[in-house]
Amino acid sequence: MADGTPYTWWVGRGSEKHFYWGGSGPGIQKCSCGIDRNCTDPKYDCNCDADQRHWREDAGLLIYKEHLPVSQVAVGDTNRPGSEAKLTVGPLRCQGDVLGDLVVSLVNIRYQIL
């Protein structure tokens, strides 16, 4: 948005909005390609922000278990002609052992904006 608020976010535990995505972390507002500096268009921090006429994908795992589970995802900026979004949220997978605490919680979010 013009004021810097992202068009897309997800809602987690406690109905709190989160603006980071898989492969990133709280407060960063980048996709993993933005952190790794290998996005399709280097001007953007997510592949889906490139606004190109073919599908781009950003995907990753959400690993901050205190923010999970994902209860909602909001995708904006798709009201322009030719603009579409496809988003999938994968299953919650927990990893740990019987003797220890829960080690990590993972949610895979894949989204594409055309």
N, C-alpha and C. Protein backbone atom coordinates (compact mmCIF):
# COMPACT_ATOMS: atom_id res chain seq x y z
N MET A 1 0.84 -1.18 0.00
CA MET A 1 0.00 0.00 0.00
C MET A 1 0.88 1.24 0.00
N ALA A 2 0.26 2.34 -0.29
CA ALA A 2 1.01 3.60 -0.37
C ALA A 2 1.66 3.98 0.96
N ASP A 3 1.03 3.59 2.08
CA ASP A 3 1.59 3.95 3.38
C ASP A 3 2.62 2.93 3.86
N GLY A 4 2.94 1.94 3.04
CA GLY A 4 3.94 0.94 3.40
C GLY A 4 3.38 -0.33 4.03
N THR A 5 2.09 -0.36 4.31
CA THR A 5 1.46 -1.55 4.86
C THR A 5 1.36 -2.61 3.76
N PRO A 6 1.81 -3.82 4.02
CA PRO A 6 1.73 -4.87 2.99
C PRO A 6 0.29 -5.19 2.59
N TYR A 7 0.12 -5.61 1.35
CA TYR A 7 -1.18 -6.01 0.84
C TYR A 7 -1.57 -7.41 1.30
N THR A 8 -0.61 -8.21 1.70
CA THR A 8 -0.86 -9.61 2.01
C THR A 8 -0.28 -9.93 3.39
N TRP A 9 -1.05 -10.68 4.19
CA TRP A 9 -0.59 -11.07 5.51
C TRP A 9 -1.30 -12.34 5.93
N TRP A 10 -0.86 -12.91 7.03
CA TRP A 10 -1.53 -14.07 7.59
C TRP A 10 -1.82 -13.81 9.06
N VAL A 11 -2.83 -14.51 9.56
CA VAL A 11 -3.26 -14.35 10.95
C VAL A 11 -2.93 -15.63 11.69
N GLY A 12 -2.30 -15.48 12.83
CA GLY A 12 -1.90 -16.63 13.63
C GLY A 12 -2.55 -16.62 15.00
N ARG A 13 -1.87 -17.26 15.93
CA ARG A 13 -2.35 -17.39 17.31
C ARG A 13 -2.72 -16.02 17.88
N GLY A 14 -3.81 -15.97 18.61
CA GLY A 14 -4.25 -14.73 19.24
C GLY A 14 -4.80 -13.71 18.24
N SER A 15 -5.15 -14.16 17.04
CA SER A 15 -5.67 -13.29 15.98
C SER A 15 -4.71 -12.17 15.61
N GLU A 16 -3.43 -12.42 15.77
CA GLU A 16 -2.41 -11.42 15.44
C GLU A 16 -2.02 -11.52 13.97
N LYS A 17 -1.94 -10.35 13.29
CA LYS A 17 -1.51 -10.31 11.89
C LYS A 17 0.01 -10.43 11.82
N HIS A 18 0.48 -11.18 10.82
CA HIS A 18 1.92 -11.33 10.59
C HIS A 18 2.21 -10.99 9.14
N PHE A 19 3.27 -10.25 8.93
CA PHE A 19 3.63 -9.77 7.60
C PHE A 19 4.90 -10.42 7.07
N TYR A 20 5.37 -11.46 7.73
CA TYR A 20 6.54 -12.19 7.23
C TYR A 20 6.07 -13.51 6.65
N TRP A 21 6.91 -14.10 5.83
CA TRP A 21 6.56 -15.33 5.12
C TRP A 21 7.60 -16.39 5.33
N GLY A 22 7.32 -17.59 4.87
CA GLY A 22 8.23 -18.71 5.05
C GLY A 22 9.63 -18.41 4.56
N GLY A 23 10.60 -18.80 5.35
CA GLY A 23 11.99 -18.53 5.03
C GLY A 23 12.44 -17.18 5.56
N SER A 24 11.54 -16.45 6.17
CA SER A 24 11.83 -15.13 6.73
C SER A 24 11.48 -15.16 8.21
N GLY A 25 11.37 -14.01 8.83
CA GLY A 25 11.04 -13.98 10.24
C GLY A 25 10.28 -12.73 10.62
N PRO A 26 9.77 -12.68 11.83
CA PRO A 26 8.97 -11.55 12.30
C PRO A 26 9.70 -10.21 12.11
N GLY A 27 8.96 -9.23 11.61
CA GLY A 27 9.50 -7.89 11.44
C GLY A 27 10.30 -7.67 10.18
N ILE A 28 10.54 -8.71 9.38
CA ILE A 28 11.42 -8.57 8.22
C ILE A 28 10.66 -8.13 6.96
N GLN A 29 9.42 -8.55 6.79
CA GLN A 29 8.57 -8.22 5.63
C GLN A 29 9.25 -8.52 4.30
N LYS A 30 9.91 -9.65 4.23
CA LYS A 30 10.51 -10.14 2.99
C LYS A 30 10.21 -11.62 2.85
N CYS A 31 10.23 -12.08 1.61
CA CYS A 31 10.16 -13.52 1.36
C CYS A 31 11.58 -14.06 1.40
N SER A 32 11.74 -15.36 1.34
CA SER A 32 13.08 -15.94 1.41
C SER A 32 13.97 -15.47 0.27
N CYS A 33 13.39 -15.22 -0.92
CA CYS A 33 14.22 -14.74 -2.03
C CYS A 33 14.76 -13.34 -1.75
N GLY A 34 14.01 -12.54 -1.00
CA GLY A 34 14.49 -11.21 -0.63
C GLY A 34 15.64 -11.26 0.35
N ILE A 35 15.60 -12.23 1.24
CA ILE A 35 16.70 -12.42 2.19
C ILE A 35 17.93 -12.96 1.47
N ASP A 36 17.69 -13.93 0.57
CA ASP A 36 18.79 -14.54 -0.18
C ASP A 36 19.24 -13.68 -1.37
N ARG A 37 18.50 -12.62 -1.64
CA ARG A 37 18.78 -11.70 -2.76
C ARG A 37 18.79 -12.41 -4.12
N ASN A 38 17.80 -13.27 -4.31
CA ASN A 38 17.70 -13.97 -5.60
C ASN A 38 16.27 -13.94 -6.15
N CYS A 39 15.53 -12.87 -5.86
CA CYS A 39 14.18 -12.73 -6.40
C CYS A 39 14.26 -12.50 -7.91
N THR A 40 13.17 -12.82 -8.58
CA THR A 40 13.07 -12.67 -10.03
C THR A 40 13.42 -11.25 -10.46
N ASP A 41 12.89 -10.26 -9.77
CA ASP A 41 13.20 -8.86 -10.04
C ASP A 41 13.90 -8.30 -8.80
N PRO A 42 15.16 -7.92 -8.90
CA PRO A 42 15.91 -7.48 -7.73
C PRO A 42 15.38 -6.23 -7.05
N LYS A 43 14.42 -5.54 -7.69
CA LYS A 43 13.81 -4.36 -7.06
C LYS A 43 12.84 -4.75 -5.95
N TYR A 44 12.45 -6.02 -5.89
CA TYR A 44 11.43 -6.47 -4.95
C TYR A 44 11.98 -7.52 -4.00
N ASP A 45 11.31 -7.65 -2.85
CA ASP A 45 11.72 -8.61 -1.84
C ASP A 45 10.90 -9.90 -1.85
N CYS A 46 9.99 -10.03 -2.80
CA CYS A 46 9.23 -11.26 -3.03
C CYS A 46 9.04 -11.42 -4.53
N ASN A 47 9.06 -12.65 -5.01
CA ASN A 47 8.83 -12.91 -6.43
C ASN A 47 7.45 -12.44 -6.88
N CYS A 48 6.47 -12.60 -6.01
CA CYS A 48 5.10 -12.25 -6.38
C CYS A 48 4.88 -10.75 -6.51
N ASP A 49 5.78 -9.94 -5.99
CA ASP A 49 5.66 -8.49 -6.11
C ASP A 49 6.11 -7.96 -7.46
N ALA A 50 6.75 -8.81 -8.26
CA ALA A 50 7.32 -8.35 -9.53
C ALA A 50 6.25 -7.93 -10.53
N ASP A 51 4.99 -8.33 -10.32
CA ASP A 51 3.87 -7.90 -11.16
C ASP A 51 4.10 -8.20 -12.63
N GLN A 52 4.61 -9.39 -12.89
CA GLN A 52 4.84 -9.82 -14.26
C GLN A 52 3.62 -10.58 -14.77
N ARG A 53 3.54 -10.79 -16.06
CA ARG A 53 2.37 -11.41 -16.66
C ARG A 53 2.39 -12.94 -16.62
N HIS A 54 3.29 -13.53 -15.88
CA HIS A 54 3.26 -14.98 -15.70
C HIS A 54 3.45 -15.27 -14.22
N TRP A 55 3.03 -16.47 -13.83
CA TRP A 55 3.03 -16.84 -12.41
C TRP A 55 4.44 -16.84 -11.83
N ARG A 56 4.54 -16.30 -10.67
CA ARG A 56 5.75 -16.37 -9.85
C ARG A 56 5.36 -16.99 -8.52
N GLU A 57 6.29 -17.59 -7.84
CA GLU A 57 5.97 -18.27 -6.59
C GLU A 57 6.95 -17.89 -5.50
N ASP A 58 6.39 -17.72 -4.32
CA ASP A 58 7.17 -17.59 -3.09
C ASP A 58 6.65 -18.68 -2.17
N ALA A 59 7.53 -19.45 -1.58
CA ALA A 59 7.12 -20.55 -0.72
C ALA A 59 8.13 -20.70 0.41
N GLY A 60 7.68 -21.24 1.50
CA GLY A 60 8.61 -21.48 2.60
C GLY A 60 7.89 -22.03 3.81
N LEU A 61 8.65 -22.25 4.84
CA LEU A 61 8.13 -22.82 6.09
C LEU A 61 8.08 -21.74 7.16
N LEU A 62 6.96 -21.67 7.87
CA LEU A 62 6.83 -20.79 9.02
C LEU A 62 7.28 -21.59 10.24
N ILE A 63 8.31 -21.13 10.91
CA ILE A 63 8.90 -21.93 11.98
C ILE A 63 8.76 -21.31 13.37
N TYR A 64 8.10 -20.17 13.48
CA TYR A 64 7.93 -19.54 14.80
C TYR A 64 6.65 -20.08 15.43
N LYS A 65 6.83 -21.14 16.23
CA LYS A 65 5.67 -21.88 16.73
C LYS A 65 4.77 -21.04 17.61
N GLU A 66 5.29 -19.97 18.21
CA GLU A 66 4.44 -19.13 19.04
C GLU A 66 3.42 -18.33 18.21
N HIS A 67 3.61 -18.28 16.90
CA HIS A 67 2.68 -17.59 16.01
C HIS A 67 1.68 -18.53 15.35
N LEU A 68 1.90 -19.82 15.43
CA LEU A 68 1.05 -20.80 14.76
C LEU A 68 -0.09 -21.24 15.66
N PRO A 69 -1.15 -21.75 15.09
CA PRO A 69 -1.36 -22.11 13.69
C PRO A 69 -1.85 -20.91 12.86
N VAL A 70 -1.77 -21.05 11.56
CA VAL A 70 -2.32 -20.06 10.64
C VAL A 70 -3.83 -20.24 10.61
N SER A 71 -4.57 -19.18 10.88
CA SER A 71 -6.03 -19.28 10.86
C SER A 71 -6.65 -18.55 9.67
N GLN A 72 -5.93 -17.60 9.10
CA GLN A 72 -6.43 -16.82 7.96
C GLN A 72 -5.27 -16.33 7.14
N VAL A 73 -5.51 -16.10 5.87
CA VAL A 73 -4.53 -15.44 5.01
C VAL A 73 -5.30 -14.41 4.20
N ALA A 74 -4.79 -13.19 4.15
CA ALA A 74 -5.40 -12.12 3.36
C ALA A 74 -4.48 -11.80 2.20
N VAL A 75 -5.04 -11.79 1.00
CA VAL A 75 -4.28 -11.47 -0.20
C VAL A 75 -4.94 -10.27 -0.86
N GLY A 76 -4.21 -9.19 -0.99
CA GLY A 76 -4.76 -7.98 -1.59
C GLY A 76 -4.08 -7.66 -2.90
N ASP A 77 -4.43 -6.52 -3.45
CA ASP A 77 -3.87 -6.01 -4.69
C ASP A 77 -4.13 -6.95 -5.87
N THR A 78 -5.29 -7.57 -5.86
CA THR A 78 -5.65 -8.45 -6.99
C THR A 78 -6.87 -7.92 -7.72
N ASN A 79 -7.25 -6.67 -7.45
CA ASN A 79 -8.45 -6.12 -8.07
C ASN A 79 -8.17 -5.41 -9.39
N ARG A 80 -6.97 -5.55 -9.91
CA ARG A 80 -6.61 -4.96 -11.20
C ARG A 80 -6.87 -5.96 -12.32
N PRO A 81 -7.18 -5.49 -13.52
CA PRO A 81 -7.38 -6.42 -14.65
C PRO A 81 -6.15 -7.32 -14.85
N GLY A 82 -6.39 -8.61 -14.99
CA GLY A 82 -5.31 -9.56 -15.22
C GLY A 82 -4.55 -9.97 -13.97
N SER A 83 -4.95 -9.50 -12.81
CA SER A 83 -4.26 -9.83 -11.57
C SER A 83 -5.00 -10.97 -10.87
N GLU A 84 -4.27 -12.01 -10.51
CA GLU A 84 -4.84 -13.17 -9.85
C GLU A 84 -3.91 -13.62 -8.73
N ALA A 85 -4.45 -14.37 -7.81
CA ALA A 85 -3.63 -14.96 -6.74
C ALA A 85 -4.09 -16.39 -6.49
N LYS A 86 -3.15 -17.24 -6.18
CA LYS A 86 -3.44 -18.61 -5.77
C LYS A 86 -2.61 -18.86 -4.53
N LEU A 87 -3.24 -19.31 -3.47
CA LEU A 87 -2.53 -19.50 -2.22
C LEU A 87 -2.93 -20.83 -1.62
N THR A 88 -1.96 -21.58 -1.15
CA THR A 88 -2.24 -22.81 -0.43
C THR A 88 -1.48 -22.80 0.88
N VAL A 89 -2.10 -23.32 1.91
CA VAL A 89 -1.46 -23.47 3.22
C VAL A 89 -1.37 -24.96 3.48
N GLY A 90 -0.15 -25.43 3.67
CA GLY A 90 0.07 -26.85 3.90
C GLY A 90 -0.28 -27.25 5.33
N PRO A 91 -0.17 -28.51 5.63
CA PRO A 91 -0.53 -29.01 6.96
C PRO A 91 0.49 -28.61 8.02
N LEU A 92 0.03 -28.50 9.25
CA LEU A 92 0.92 -28.27 10.38
C LEU A 92 1.65 -29.57 10.67
N ARG A 93 2.97 -29.51 10.66
CA ARG A 93 3.78 -30.69 10.95
C ARG A 93 4.65 -30.37 12.16
N CYS A 94 4.58 -31.18 13.16
CA CYS A 94 5.38 -30.97 14.36
C CYS A 94 6.51 -31.98 14.40
N GLN A 95 7.68 -31.51 14.81
CA GLN A 95 8.83 -32.39 14.93
C GLN A 95 9.37 -32.29 16.35
N GLY A 96 9.71 -33.39 16.92
CA GLY A 96 10.26 -33.43 18.26
C GLY A 96 10.50 -34.86 18.65
N ASP A 97 10.88 -35.06 19.89
CA ASP A 97 11.03 -36.42 20.35
C ASP A 97 10.21 -36.62 21.62
N VAL A 98 10.06 -37.84 22.02
CA VAL A 98 9.23 -38.17 23.16
C VAL A 98 9.82 -37.61 24.45
N LEU A 99 11.12 -37.54 24.54
CA LEU A 99 11.77 -37.10 25.77
C LEU A 99 11.91 -35.59 25.88
N GLY A 100 11.92 -34.90 24.74
CA GLY A 100 12.17 -33.45 24.77
C GLY A 100 10.95 -32.64 24.44
N ASP A 101 11.15 -31.35 24.44
CA ASP A 101 10.08 -30.43 24.07
C ASP A 101 9.86 -30.44 22.57
N LEU A 102 8.78 -29.86 22.18
CA LEU A 102 8.51 -29.69 20.76
C LEU A 102 9.62 -28.82 20.18
N VAL A 103 10.25 -29.30 19.13
CA VAL A 103 11.40 -28.62 18.57
C VAL A 103 11.00 -27.51 17.61
N VAL A 104 10.11 -27.81 16.68
CA VAL A 104 9.75 -26.80 15.69
C VAL A 104 8.39 -27.14 15.10
N SER A 105 7.65 -26.13 14.74
CA SER A 105 6.38 -26.31 14.05
C SER A 105 6.52 -25.68 12.68
N LEU A 106 6.03 -26.36 11.67
CA LEU A 106 6.22 -25.91 10.31
C LEU A 106 4.89 -25.80 9.58
N VAL A 107 4.73 -24.73 8.86
CA VAL A 107 3.59 -24.57 7.96
C VAL A 107 4.14 -24.10 6.64
N ASN A 108 3.80 -24.76 5.59
CA ASN A 108 4.26 -24.38 4.26
C ASN A 108 3.18 -23.54 3.59
N ILE A 109 3.51 -22.31 3.26
CA ILE A 109 2.58 -21.44 2.55
C ILE A 109 3.14 -21.19 1.17
N ARG A 110 2.33 -21.49 0.16
CA ARG A 110 2.72 -21.23 -1.22
C ARG A 110 1.71 -20.25 -1.78
N TYR A 111 2.20 -19.19 -2.37
CA TYR A 111 1.27 -18.26 -2.99
C TYR A 111 1.86 -17.74 -4.27
N GLN A 112 0.98 -17.43 -5.18
CA GLN A 112 1.36 -16.90 -6.47
C GLN A 112 0.45 -15.72 -6.77
N ILE A 113 1.00 -14.66 -7.25
CA ILE A 113 0.21 -13.53 -7.67
C ILE A 113 0.59 -13.20 -9.09
N LEU A 114 -0.39 -13.16 -9.94
CA LEU A 114 -0.17 -12.86 -11.35
C LEU A 114 -0.53 -11.42 -11.60
